[in-house]
Amino acid sequence: EDNLVERAIEAIQQAAHTGRIGDGKIFVTPVEEAIRIRTGER
């Protein structure tokens, strides 16, 4: 959910950080819909 995005980004950044080249990247994109196959929840 949108309201958790910043906390998730911070958690990933802090945990993945080494300070060396190649630490990685984080990409954030909007999701239009999600469907649970088993129940049909949306």
PDB file of all heavy atoms in Angstrom:
ATOM      1  N   GLU A   1       0.841  -1.189   0.000  1.00  0.00           N
ATOM      2  CA  GLU A   1       0.000   0.000   0.000  1.00  0.00           C
ATOM      3  C   GLU A   1       0.884   1.250   0.000  1.00  0.00           C
ATOM      4  O   GLU A   1       1.988   1.243   0.536  1.00  0.00           O
ATOM      5  CB  GLU A   1      -0.906   0.014   1.226  1.00  0.00           C
ATOM      6  CG  GLU A   1      -1.929  -1.100   1.228  1.00  0.00           C
ATOM      7  CD  GLU A   1      -2.845  -1.036   2.448  1.00  0.00           C
ATOM      8  OE1 GLU A   1      -3.537  -0.016   2.602  1.00  0.00           O
ATOM      9  OE2 GLU A   1      -2.837  -2.009   3.213  1.00  0.00           O
ATOM     10  N   ASP A   2       0.354   2.325  -0.591  1.00  0.00           N
ATOM     11  CA  ASP A   2       1.088   3.584  -0.696  1.00  0.00           C
ATOM     12  C   ASP A   2       1.673   4.054   0.630  1.00  0.00           C
ATOM     13  O   ASP A   2       2.795   4.532   0.680  1.00  0.00           O
ATOM     14  CB  ASP A   2       0.160   4.689  -1.211  1.00  0.00           C
ATOM     15  CG  ASP A   2       0.137   4.759  -2.717  1.00  0.00           C
ATOM     16  OD1 ASP A   2       0.944   4.071  -3.365  1.00  0.00           O
ATOM     17  OD2 ASP A   2      -0.696   5.518  -3.244  1.00  0.00           O
ATOM     18  N   ASN A   3       0.899   3.924   1.695  1.00  0.00           N
ATOM     19  CA  ASN A   3       1.331   4.495   2.973  1.00  0.00           C
ATOM     20  C   ASN A   3       2.521   3.766   3.594  1.00  0.00           C
ATOM     21  O   ASN A   3       3.082   4.234   4.577  1.00  0.00           O
ATOM     22  CB  ASN A   3       0.164   4.562   3.959  1.00  0.00           C
ATOM     23  CG  ASN A   3      -0.425   3.196   4.267  1.00  0.00           C
ATOM     24  OD1 ASN A   3      -0.117   2.210   3.604  1.00  0.00           O
ATOM     25  ND2 ASN A   3      -1.272   3.144   5.264  1.00  0.00           N
ATOM     26  N   LEU A   4       2.928   2.631   3.036  1.00  0.00           N
ATOM     27  CA  LEU A   4       4.072   1.882   3.561  1.00  0.00           C
ATOM     28  C   LEU A   4       5.331   2.033   2.710  1.00  0.00           C
ATOM     29  O   LEU A   4       6.401   1.544   3.083  1.00  0.00           O
ATOM     30  CB  LEU A   4       3.726   0.398   3.668  1.00  0.00           C
ATOM     31  CG  LEU A   4       2.585   0.028   4.608  1.00  0.00           C
ATOM     32  CD1 LEU A   4       2.223  -1.435   4.455  1.00  0.00           C
ATOM     33  CD2 LEU A   4       2.955   0.355   6.039  1.00  0.00           C
ATOM     34  N   VAL A   5       5.206   2.719   1.589  1.00  0.00           N
ATOM     35  CA  VAL A   5       6.303   2.768   0.620  1.00  0.00           C
ATOM     36  C   VAL A   5       7.570   3.398   1.200  1.00  0.00           C
ATOM     37  O   VAL A   5       8.654   2.831   1.089  1.00  0.00           O
ATOM     38  CB  VAL A   5       5.878   3.488  -0.677  1.00  0.00           C
ATOM     39  CG1 VAL A   5       7.063   3.769  -1.580  1.00  0.00           C
ATOM     40  CG2 VAL A   5       4.836   2.668  -1.407  1.00  0.00           C
ATOM     41  N   GLU A   6       7.458   4.560   1.822  1.00  0.00           N
ATOM     42  CA  GLU A   6       8.648   5.244   2.333  1.00  0.00           C
ATOM     43  C   GLU A   6       9.350   4.421   3.400  1.00  0.00           C
ATOM     44  O   GLU A   6      10.571   4.345   3.435  1.00  0.00           O
ATOM     45  CB  GLU A   6       8.310   6.640   2.854  1.00  0.00           C
ATOM     46  CG  GLU A   6       8.100   7.661   1.755  1.00  0.00           C
ATOM     47  CD  GLU A   6       9.261   7.752   0.756  1.00  0.00           C
ATOM     48  OE1 GLU A   6      10.445   7.760   1.179  1.00  0.00           O
ATOM     49  OE2 GLU A   6       9.001   7.795  -0.458  1.00  0.00           O
ATOM     50  N   ARG A   7       8.582   3.787   4.283  1.00  0.00           N
ATOM     51  CA  ARG A   7       9.182   2.945   5.320  1.00  0.00           C
ATOM     52  C   ARG A   7       9.906   1.757   4.702  1.00  0.00           C
ATOM     53  O   ARG A   7      10.983   1.370   5.144  1.00  0.00           O
ATOM     54  CB  ARG A   7       8.121   2.473   6.308  1.00  0.00           C
ATOM     55  CG  ARG A   7       7.618   3.605   7.190  1.00  0.00           C
ATOM     56  CD  ARG A   7       6.450   3.213   8.049  1.00  0.00           C
ATOM     57  NE  ARG A   7       6.770   2.101   8.935  1.00  0.00           N
ATOM     58  CZ  ARG A   7       5.864   1.310   9.485  1.00  0.00           C
ATOM     59  NH1 ARG A   7       4.586   1.493   9.247  1.00  0.00           N
ATOM     60  NH2 ARG A   7       6.216   0.327  10.285  1.00  0.00           N
ATOM     61  N   ALA A   8       9.323   1.178   3.664  1.00  0.00           N
ATOM     62  CA  ALA A   8       9.953   0.038   2.983  1.00  0.00           C
ATOM     63  C   ALA A   8      11.240   0.470   2.293  1.00  0.00           C
ATOM     64  O   ALA A   8      12.258  -0.231   2.376  1.00  0.00           O
ATOM     65  CB  ALA A   8       8.983  -0.584   1.980  1.00  0.00           C
ATOM     66  N   ILE A   9      11.219   1.612   1.633  1.00  0.00           N
ATOM     67  CA  ILE A   9      12.419   2.118   0.958  1.00  0.00           C
ATOM     68  C   ILE A   9      13.539   2.345   1.970  1.00  0.00           C
ATOM     69  O   ILE A   9      14.680   1.936   1.755  1.00  0.00           O
ATOM     70  CB  ILE A   9      12.104   3.417   0.184  1.00  0.00           C
ATOM     71  CG1 ILE A   9      11.225   3.108  -1.031  1.00  0.00           C
ATOM     72  CG2 ILE A   9      13.394   4.120  -0.247  1.00  0.00           C
ATOM     73  CD1 ILE A   9      10.673   4.339  -1.718  1.00  0.00           C
ATOM     74  N   GLU A  10      13.211   2.991   3.083  1.00  0.00           N
ATOM     75  CA  GLU A  10      14.218   3.242   4.123  1.00  0.00           C
ATOM     76  C   GLU A  10      14.791   1.933   4.664  1.00  0.00           C
ATOM     77  O   GLU A  10      16.001   1.812   4.864  1.00  0.00           O
ATOM     78  CB  GLU A  10      13.612   4.058   5.267  1.00  0.00           C
ATOM     79  CG  GLU A  10      13.381   5.509   4.928  1.00  0.00           C
ATOM     80  CD  GLU A  10      12.662   6.252   6.050  1.00  0.00           C
ATOM     81  OE1 GLU A  10      12.757   5.827   7.224  1.00  0.00           O
ATOM     82  OE2 GLU A  10      12.000   7.254   5.739  1.00  0.00           O
ATOM     83  N   ALA A  11      13.922   0.961   4.912  1.00  0.00           N
ATOM     84  CA  ALA A  11      14.373  -0.333   5.444  1.00  0.00           C
ATOM     85  C   ALA A  11      15.320  -1.010   4.471  1.00  0.00           C
ATOM     86  O   ALA A  11      16.374  -1.531   4.872  1.00  0.00           O
ATOM     87  CB  ALA A  11      13.166  -1.227   5.738  1.00  0.00           C
ATOM     88  N   ILE A  12      14.977  -1.006   3.182  1.00  0.00           N
ATOM     89  CA  ILE A  12      15.827  -1.639   2.174  1.00  0.00           C
ATOM     90  C   ILE A  12      17.159  -0.900   2.071  1.00  0.00           C
ATOM     91  O   ILE A  12      18.227  -1.520   2.061  1.00  0.00           O
ATOM     92  CB  ILE A  12      15.121  -1.693   0.801  1.00  0.00           C
ATOM     93  CG1 ILE A  12      13.908  -2.617   0.868  1.00  0.00           C
ATOM     94  CG2 ILE A  12      16.096  -2.153  -0.285  1.00  0.00           C
ATOM     95  CD1 ILE A  12      12.979  -2.503  -0.328  1.00  0.00           C
ATOM     96  N   GLN A  13      17.092   0.434   2.007  1.00  0.00           N
ATOM     97  CA  GLN A  13      18.324   1.223   1.889  1.00  0.00           C
ATOM     98  C   GLN A  13      19.278   0.958   3.042  1.00  0.00           C
ATOM     99  O   GLN A  13      20.464   0.719   2.836  1.00  0.00           O
ATOM    100  CB  GLN A  13      18.003   2.722   1.862  1.00  0.00           C
ATOM    101  CG  GLN A  13      17.740   3.254   0.488  1.00  0.00           C
ATOM    102  CD  GLN A  13      17.584   4.756   0.521  1.00  0.00           C
ATOM    103  OE1 GLN A  13      16.672   5.274   1.157  1.00  0.00           O
ATOM    104  NE2 GLN A  13      18.448   5.448  -0.165  1.00  0.00           N
ATOM    105  N   GLN A  14      18.765   1.007   4.257  1.00  0.00           N
ATOM    106  CA  GLN A  14      19.627   0.818   5.424  1.00  0.00           C
ATOM    107  C   GLN A  14      20.199  -0.599   5.478  1.00  0.00           C
ATOM    108  O   GLN A  14      21.369  -0.791   5.782  1.00  0.00           O
ATOM    109  CB  GLN A  14      18.862   1.137   6.704  1.00  0.00           C
ATOM    110  CG  GLN A  14      18.583   2.626   6.852  1.00  0.00           C
ATOM    111  CD  GLN A  14      17.717   2.943   8.062  1.00  0.00           C
ATOM    112  OE1 GLN A  14      17.374   2.081   8.841  1.00  0.00           O
ATOM    113  NE2 GLN A  14      17.363   4.211   8.190  1.00  0.00           N
ATOM    114  N   ALA A  15      19.383  -1.593   5.176  1.00  0.00           N
ATOM    115  CA  ALA A  15      19.832  -2.983   5.277  1.00  0.00           C
ATOM    116  C   ALA A  15      20.780  -3.377   4.141  1.00  0.00           C
ATOM    117  O   ALA A  15      21.673  -4.202   4.346  1.00  0.00           O
ATOM    118  CB  ALA A  15      18.630  -3.919   5.303  1.00  0.00           C
ATOM    119  N   ALA A  16      20.612  -2.811   2.964  1.00  0.00           N
ATOM    120  CA  ALA A  16      21.419  -3.203   1.806  1.00  0.00           C
ATOM    121  C   ALA A  16      22.689  -2.375   1.652  1.00  0.00           C
ATOM    122  O   ALA A  16      23.567  -2.732   0.876  1.00  0.00           O
ATOM    123  CB  ALA A  16      20.580  -3.103   0.530  1.00  0.00           C
ATOM    124  N   HIS A  17      22.808  -1.301   2.401  1.00  0.00           N
ATOM    125  CA  HIS A  17      23.919  -0.365   2.237  1.00  0.00           C
ATOM    126  C   HIS A  17      25.242  -0.937   2.736  1.00  0.00           C
ATOM    127  O   HIS A  17      25.322  -1.462   3.840  1.00  0.00           O
ATOM    128  CB  HIS A  17      23.606   0.925   3.006  1.00  0.00           C
ATOM    129  CG  HIS A  17      24.662   1.956   2.876  1.00  0.00           C
ATOM    130  ND1 HIS A  17      25.653   2.104   3.816  1.00  0.00           N
ATOM    131  CD2 HIS A  17      24.904   2.879   1.917  1.00  0.00           C
ATOM    132  CE1 HIS A  17      26.454   3.094   3.449  1.00  0.00           C
ATOM    133  NE2 HIS A  17      26.012   3.570   2.299  1.00  0.00           N
ATOM    134  N   THR A  18      26.269  -0.855   1.886  1.00  0.00           N
ATOM    135  CA  THR A  18      27.632  -1.183   2.313  1.00  0.00           C
ATOM    136  C   THR A  18      28.542   0.024   2.123  1.00  0.00           C
ATOM    137  O   THR A  18      29.621   0.079   2.687  1.00  0.00           O
ATOM    138  CB  THR A  18      28.239  -2.349   1.495  1.00  0.00           C
ATOM    139  OG1 THR A  18      28.454  -1.922   0.151  1.00  0.00           O
ATOM    140  CG2 THR A  18      27.369  -3.587   1.545  1.00  0.00           C
ATOM    141  N   GLY A  19      28.104   0.977   1.306  1.00  0.00           N
ATOM    142  CA  GLY A  19      28.928   2.137   1.004  1.00  0.00           C
ATOM    143  C   GLY A  19      29.857   1.916  -0.177  1.00  0.00           C
ATOM    144  O   GLY A  19      30.578   2.812  -0.582  1.00  0.00           O
ATOM    145  N   ARG A  20      29.804   0.716  -0.740  1.00  0.00           N
ATOM    146  CA  ARG A  20      30.658   0.397  -1.882  1.00  0.00           C
ATOM    147  C   ARG A  20      29.848   0.452  -3.169  1.00  0.00           C
ATOM    148  O   ARG A  20      28.627   0.257  -3.158  1.00  0.00           O
ATOM    149  CB  ARG A  20      31.257  -0.996  -1.731  1.00  0.00           C
ATOM    150  CG  ARG A  20      32.243  -1.102  -0.597  1.00  0.00           C
ATOM    151  CD  ARG A  20      33.104  -2.334  -0.813  1.00  0.00           C
ATOM    152  NE  ARG A  20      34.036  -2.486   0.290  1.00  0.00           N
ATOM    153  CZ  ARG A  20      33.976  -3.465   1.176  1.00  0.00           C
ATOM    154  NH1 ARG A  20      33.028  -4.379   1.088  1.00  0.00           N
ATOM    155  NH2 ARG A  20      34.853  -3.539   2.135  1.00  0.00           N
ATOM    156  N   ILE A  21      30.548   0.606  -4.260  1.00  0.00           N
ATOM    157  CA  ILE A  21      29.887   0.598  -5.561  1.00  0.00           C
ATOM    158  C   ILE A  21      29.197  -0.755  -5.754  1.00  0.00           C
ATOM    159  O   ILE A  21      29.689  -1.785  -5.305  1.00  0.00           O
ATOM    160  CB  ILE A  21      30.912   0.888  -6.686  1.00  0.00           C
ATOM    161  CG1 ILE A  21      30.193   1.213  -7.992  1.00  0.00           C
ATOM    162  CG2 ILE A  21      31.892  -0.248  -6.847  1.00  0.00           C
ATOM    163  CD1 ILE A  21      31.086   1.856  -9.027  1.00  0.00           C
ATOM    164  N   GLY A  22      28.028  -0.733  -6.367  1.00  0.00           N
ATOM    165  CA  GLY A  22      27.290  -1.974  -6.608  1.00  0.00           C
ATOM    166  C   GLY A  22      26.289  -2.321  -5.527  1.00  0.00           C
ATOM    167  O   GLY A  22      25.755  -3.420  -5.510  1.00  0.00           O
ATOM    168  N   ASP A  23      26.020  -1.391  -4.598  1.00  0.00           N
ATOM    169  CA  ASP A  23      25.029  -1.650  -3.547  1.00  0.00           C
ATOM    170  C   ASP A  23      23.644  -1.906  -4.125  1.00  0.00           C
ATOM    171  O   ASP A  23      22.848  -2.597  -3.523  1.00  0.00           O
ATOM    172  CB  ASP A  23      24.951  -0.485  -2.564  1.00  0.00           C
ATOM    173  CG  ASP A  23      25.950  -0.608  -1.424  1.00  0.00           C
ATOM    174  OD1 ASP A  23      26.629  -1.657  -1.328  1.00  0.00           O
ATOM    175  OD2 ASP A  23      26.041   0.337  -0.624  1.00  0.00           O
ATOM    176  N   GLY A  24      23.362  -1.351  -5.288  1.00  0.00           N
ATOM    177  CA  GLY A  24      22.106  -1.657  -5.957  1.00  0.00           C
ATOM    178  C   GLY A  24      21.226  -0.454  -6.204  1.00  0.00           C
ATOM    179  O   GLY A  24      21.625   0.692  -6.039  1.00  0.00           O
ATOM    180  N   LYS A  25      19.997  -0.750  -6.572  1.00  0.00           N
ATOM    181  CA  LYS A  25      19.009   0.279  -6.907  1.00  0.00           C
ATOM    182  C   LYS A  25      17.650  -0.144  -6.372  1.00  0.00           C
ATOM    183  O   LYS A  25      17.380  -1.328  -6.184  1.00  0.00           O
ATOM    184  CB  LYS A  25      18.873   0.422  -8.430  1.00  0.00           C
ATOM    185  CG  LYS A  25      20.098   0.841  -9.174  1.00  0.00           C
ATOM    186  CD  LYS A  25      20.114   2.324  -9.371  1.00  0.00           C
ATOM    187  CE  LYS A  25      21.185   2.837 -10.302  1.00  0.00           C
ATOM    188  NZ  LYS A  25      22.477   2.245 -10.276  1.00  0.00           N
ATOM    189  N   ILE A  26      16.774   0.842  -6.183  1.00  0.00           N
ATOM    190  CA  ILE A  26      15.380   0.597  -5.805  1.00  0.00           C
ATOM    191  C   ILE A  26      14.508   1.316  -6.827  1.00  0.00           C
ATOM    192  O   ILE A  26      14.743   2.495  -7.125  1.00  0.00           O
ATOM    193  CB  ILE A  26      15.063   1.127  -4.384  1.00  0.00           C
ATOM    194  CG1 ILE A  26      15.948   0.439  -3.352  1.00  0.00           C
ATOM    195  CG2 ILE A  26      13.586   0.931  -4.060  1.00  0.00           C
ATOM    196  CD1 ILE A  26      15.857   1.039  -1.960  1.00  0.00           C
ATOM    197  N   PHE A  27      13.525   0.603  -7.359  1.00  0.00           N
ATOM    198  CA  PHE A  27      12.589   1.181  -8.316  1.00  0.00           C
ATOM    199  C   PHE A  27      11.177   1.075  -7.734  1.00  0.00           C
ATOM    200  O   PHE A  27      10.821   0.030  -7.186  1.00  0.00           O
ATOM    201  CB  PHE A  27      12.639   0.438  -9.659  1.00  0.00           C
ATOM    202  CG  PHE A  27      14.013   0.405 -10.267  1.00  0.00           C
ATOM    203  CD1 PHE A  27      14.806  -0.727 -10.149  1.00  0.00           C
ATOM    204  CD2 PHE A  27      14.520   1.506 -10.940  1.00  0.00           C
ATOM    205  CE1 PHE A  27      16.080  -0.776 -10.697  1.00  0.00           C
ATOM    206  CE2 PHE A  27      15.794   1.470 -11.504  1.00  0.00           C
ATOM    207  CZ  PHE A  27      16.579   0.327 -11.379  1.00  0.00           C
ATOM    208  N   VAL A  28      10.399   2.131  -7.876  1.00  0.00           N
ATOM    209  CA  VAL A  28       9.024   2.142  -7.374  1.00  0.00           C
ATOM    210  C   VAL A  28       8.102   2.485  -8.536  1.00  0.00           C
ATOM    211  O   VAL A  28       8.302   3.491  -9.218  1.00  0.00           O
ATOM    212  CB  VAL A  28       8.849   3.182  -6.239  1.00  0.00           C
ATOM    213  CG1 VAL A  28       7.431   3.165  -5.716  1.00  0.00           C
ATOM    214  CG2 VAL A  28       9.850   2.932  -5.123  1.00  0.00           C
ATOM    215  N   THR A  29       7.102   1.622  -8.757  1.00  0.00           N
ATOM    216  CA  THR A  29       6.145   1.852  -9.830  1.00  0.00           C
ATOM    217  C   THR A  29       4.724   1.671  -9.308  1.00  0.00           C
ATOM    218  O   THR A  29       4.493   0.891  -8.378  1.00  0.00           O
ATOM    219  CB  THR A  29       6.368   0.875 -11.011  1.00  0.00           C
ATOM    220  OG1 THR A  29       6.373  -0.453 -10.515  1.00  0.00           O
ATOM    221  CG2 THR A  29       7.675   1.142 -11.711  1.00  0.00           C
ATOM    222  N   PRO A  30       3.761   2.380  -9.897  1.00  0.00           N
ATOM    223  CA  PRO A  30       2.361   2.198  -9.478  1.00  0.00           C
ATOM    224  C   PRO A  30       1.821   0.847  -9.930  1.00  0.00           C
ATOM    225  O   PRO A  30       2.217   0.332 -10.976  1.00  0.00           O
ATOM    226  CB  PRO A  30       1.612   3.334 -10.163  1.00  0.00           C
ATOM    227  CG  PRO A  30       2.520   3.867 -11.215  1.00  0.00           C
ATOM    228  CD  PRO A  30       3.915   3.421 -10.912  1.00  0.00           C
ATOM    229  N   VAL A  31       0.940   0.282  -9.128  1.00  0.00           N
ATOM    230  CA  VAL A  31       0.268  -0.969  -9.466  1.00  0.00           C
ATOM    231  C   VAL A  31      -1.213  -0.667  -9.590  1.00  0.00           C
ATOM    232  O   VAL A  31      -1.835  -0.151  -8.664  1.00  0.00           O
ATOM    233  CB  VAL A  31       0.520  -2.052  -8.387  1.00  0.00           C
ATOM    234  CG1 VAL A  31      -0.335  -3.280  -8.639  1.00  0.00           C
ATOM    235  CG2 VAL A  31       1.982  -2.418  -8.338  1.00  0.00           C
ATOM    236  N   GLU A  32      -1.767  -0.983 -10.735  1.00  0.00           N
ATOM    237  CA  GLU A  32      -3.160  -0.669 -11.001  1.00  0.00           C
ATOM    238  C   GLU A  32      -4.111  -1.642 -10.314  1.00  0.00           C
ATOM    239  O   GLU A  32      -5.166  -1.249  -9.834  1.00  0.00           O
ATOM    240  CB  GLU A  32      -3.392  -0.676 -12.513  1.00  0.00           C
ATOM    241  CG  GLU A  32      -4.632   0.062 -12.908  1.00  0.00           C
ATOM    242  CD  GLU A  32      -4.629   0.329 -14.390  1.00  0.00           C
ATOM    243  OE1 GLU A  32      -3.825   1.122 -14.870  1.00  0.00           O
ATOM    244  OE2 GLU A  32      -5.484  -0.296 -15.064  1.00  0.00           O
ATOM    245  N   GLU A  33      -3.744  -2.905 -10.272  1.00  0.00           N
ATOM    246  CA  GLU A  33      -4.638  -3.898  -9.685  1.00  0.00           C
ATOM    247  C   GLU A  33      -3.842  -5.097  -9.220  1.00  0.00           C
ATOM    248  O   GLU A  33      -2.772  -5.390  -9.746  1.00  0.00           O
ATOM    249  CB  GLU A  33      -5.685  -4.338 -10.721  1.00  0.00           C
ATOM    250  CG  GLU A  33      -6.696  -5.338 -10.228  1.00  0.00           C
ATOM    251  CD  GLU A  33      -7.598  -4.829  -9.118  1.00  0.00           C
ATOM    252  OE1 GLU A  33      -7.107  -4.672  -7.986  1.00  0.00           O
ATOM    253  OE2 GLU A  33      -8.780  -4.603  -9.376  1.00  0.00           O
ATOM    254  N   ALA A  34      -4.364  -5.773  -8.201  1.00  0.00           N
ATOM    255  CA  ALA A  34      -3.806  -7.032  -7.716  1.00  0.00           C
ATOM    256  C   ALA A  34      -4.978  -7.977  -7.475  1.00  0.00           C
ATOM    257  O   ALA A  34      -6.017  -7.554  -6.964  1.00  0.00           O
ATOM    258  CB  ALA A  34      -3.028  -6.811  -6.422  1.00  0.00           C
ATOM    259  N   ILE A  35      -4.808  -9.226  -7.860  1.00  0.00           N
ATOM    260  CA  ILE A  35      -5.876 -10.227  -7.686  1.00  0.00           C
ATOM    261  C   ILE A  35      -5.268 -11.474  -7.070  1.00  0.00           C
ATOM    262  O   ILE A  35      -4.274 -11.992  -7.581  1.00  0.00           O
ATOM    263  CB  ILE A  35      -6.540 -10.595  -9.044  1.00  0.00           C
ATOM    264  CG1 ILE A  35      -7.176  -9.363  -9.684  1.00  0.00           C
ATOM    265  CG2 ILE A  35      -7.578 -11.695  -8.852  1.00  0.00           C
ATOM    266  CD1 ILE A  35      -6.473  -8.889 -10.892  1.00  0.00           C
ATOM    267  N   ARG A  36      -5.844 -11.926  -5.965  1.00  0.00           N
ATOM    268  CA  ARG A  36      -5.415 -13.191  -5.373  1.00  0.00           C
ATOM    269  C   ARG A  36      -6.127 -14.300  -6.136  1.00  0.00           C
ATOM    270  O   ARG A  36      -7.357 -14.364  -6.167  1.00  0.00           O
ATOM    271  CB  ARG A  36      -5.781 -13.254  -3.887  1.00  0.00           C
ATOM    272  CG  ARG A  36      -5.251 -14.513  -3.205  1.00  0.00           C
ATOM    273  CD  ARG A  36      -5.683 -14.590  -1.747  1.00  0.00           C
ATOM    274  NE  ARG A  36      -5.457 -13.371  -1.003  1.00  0.00           N
ATOM    275  CZ  ARG A  36      -4.334 -13.081  -0.324  1.00  0.00           C
ATOM    276  NH1 ARG A  36      -3.344 -13.945  -0.317  1.00  0.00           N
ATOM    277  NH2 ARG A  36      -4.227 -11.957   0.332  1.00  0.00           N
ATOM    278  N   ILE A  37      -5.374 -15.174  -6.767  1.00  0.00           N
ATOM    279  CA  ILE A  37      -5.940 -16.204  -7.629  1.00  0.00           C
ATOM    280  C   ILE A  37      -6.859 -17.140  -6.853  1.00  0.00           C
ATOM    281  O   ILE A  37      -7.952 -17.476  -7.307  1.00  0.00           O
ATOM    282  CB  ILE A  37      -4.820 -16.988  -8.348  1.00  0.00           C
ATOM    283  CG1 ILE A  37      -4.096 -16.044  -9.328  1.00  0.00           C
ATOM    284  CG2 ILE A  37      -5.372 -18.219  -9.057  1.00  0.00           C
ATOM    285  CD1 ILE A  37      -2.870 -16.637  -9.970  1.00  0.00           C
ATOM    286  N   ARG A  38      -6.438 -17.562  -5.663  1.00  0.00           N
ATOM    287  CA  ARG A  38      -7.208 -18.547  -4.897  1.00  0.00           C
ATOM    288  C   ARG A  38      -8.606 -18.047  -4.537  1.00  0.00           C
ATOM    289  O   ARG A  38      -9.584 -18.775  -4.666  1.00  0.00           O
ATOM    290  CB  ARG A  38      -6.446 -18.923  -3.617  1.00  0.00           C
ATOM    291  CG  ARG A  38      -7.182 -19.906  -2.725  1.00  0.00           C
ATOM    292  CD  ARG A  38      -6.355 -20.303  -1.514  1.00  0.00           C
ATOM    293  NE  ARG A  38      -5.877 -19.186  -0.716  1.00  0.00           N
ATOM    294  CZ  ARG A  38      -6.579 -18.617   0.283  1.00  0.00           C
ATOM    295  NH1 ARG A  38      -7.770 -19.060   0.594  1.00  0.00           N
ATOM    296  NH2 ARG A  38      -6.068 -17.614   0.950  1.00  0.00           N
ATOM    297  N   THR A  39      -8.717 -16.779  -4.089  1.00  0.00           N
ATOM    298  CA  THR A  39     -10.001 -16.284  -3.568  1.00  0.00           C
ATOM    299  C   THR A  39     -10.704 -15.282  -4.473  1.00  0.00           C
ATOM    300  O   THR A  39     -11.881 -14.989  -4.267  1.00  0.00           O
ATOM    301  CB  THR A  39      -9.791 -15.600  -2.210  1.00  0.00           C
ATOM    302  OG1 THR A  39      -8.930 -14.461  -2.410  1.00  0.00           O
ATOM    303  CG2 THR A  39      -9.194 -16.555  -1.194  1.00  0.00           C
ATOM    304  N   GLY A  40      -9.969 -14.709  -5.404  1.00  0.00           N
ATOM    305  CA  GLY A  40     -10.548 -13.663  -6.243  1.00  0.00           C
ATOM    306  C   GLY A  40     -10.510 -12.294  -5.585  1.00  0.00           C
ATOM    307  O   GLY A  40     -11.011 -11.331  -6.163  1.00  0.00           O
ATOM    308  N   GLU A  41      -9.939 -12.180  -4.388  1.00  0.00           N
ATOM    309  CA  GLU A  41      -9.844 -10.871  -3.730  1.00  0.00           C
ATOM    310  C   GLU A  41      -9.068  -9.918  -4.620  1.00  0.00           C
ATOM    311  O   GLU A  41      -8.171 -10.334  -5.351  1.00  0.00           O
ATOM    312  CB  GLU A  41      -9.119 -11.009  -2.389  1.00  0.00           C
ATOM    313  CG  GLU A  41      -9.901 -11.756  -1.334  1.00  0.00           C
ATOM    314  CD  GLU A  41      -9.030 -12.080  -0.135  1.00  0.00           C
ATOM    315  OE1 GLU A  41      -8.135 -12.932  -0.288  1.00  0.00           O
ATOM    316  OE2 GLU A  41      -9.274 -11.491   0.927  1.00  0.00           O
ATOM    317  N   ARG A  42      -9.418  -8.642  -4.517  1.00  0.00           N
ATOM    318  CA  ARG A  42      -8.795  -7.625  -5.366  1.00  0.00           C
ATOM    319  C   ARG A  42      -8.245  -6.471  -4.544  1.00  0.00           C
ATOM    320  O   ARG A  42      -8.642  -6.269  -3.405  1.00  0.00           O
ATOM    321  CB  ARG A  42      -9.822  -7.082  -6.368  1.00  0.00           C
ATOM    322  CG  ARG A  42     -10.187  -8.095  -7.427  1.00  0.00           C
ATOM    323  CD  ARG A  42     -11.194  -7.525  -8.406  1.00  0.00           C
ATOM    324  NE  ARG A  42     -11.347  -8.416  -9.527  1.00  0.00           N
ATOM    325  CZ  ARG A  42     -10.704  -8.286 -10.691  1.00  0.00           C
ATOM    326  NH1 ARG A  42      -9.896  -7.281 -10.877  1.00  0.00           N
ATOM    327  NH2 ARG A  42     -10.872  -9.156 -11.644  1.00  0.00           N
TER     328      ARG A  42
END
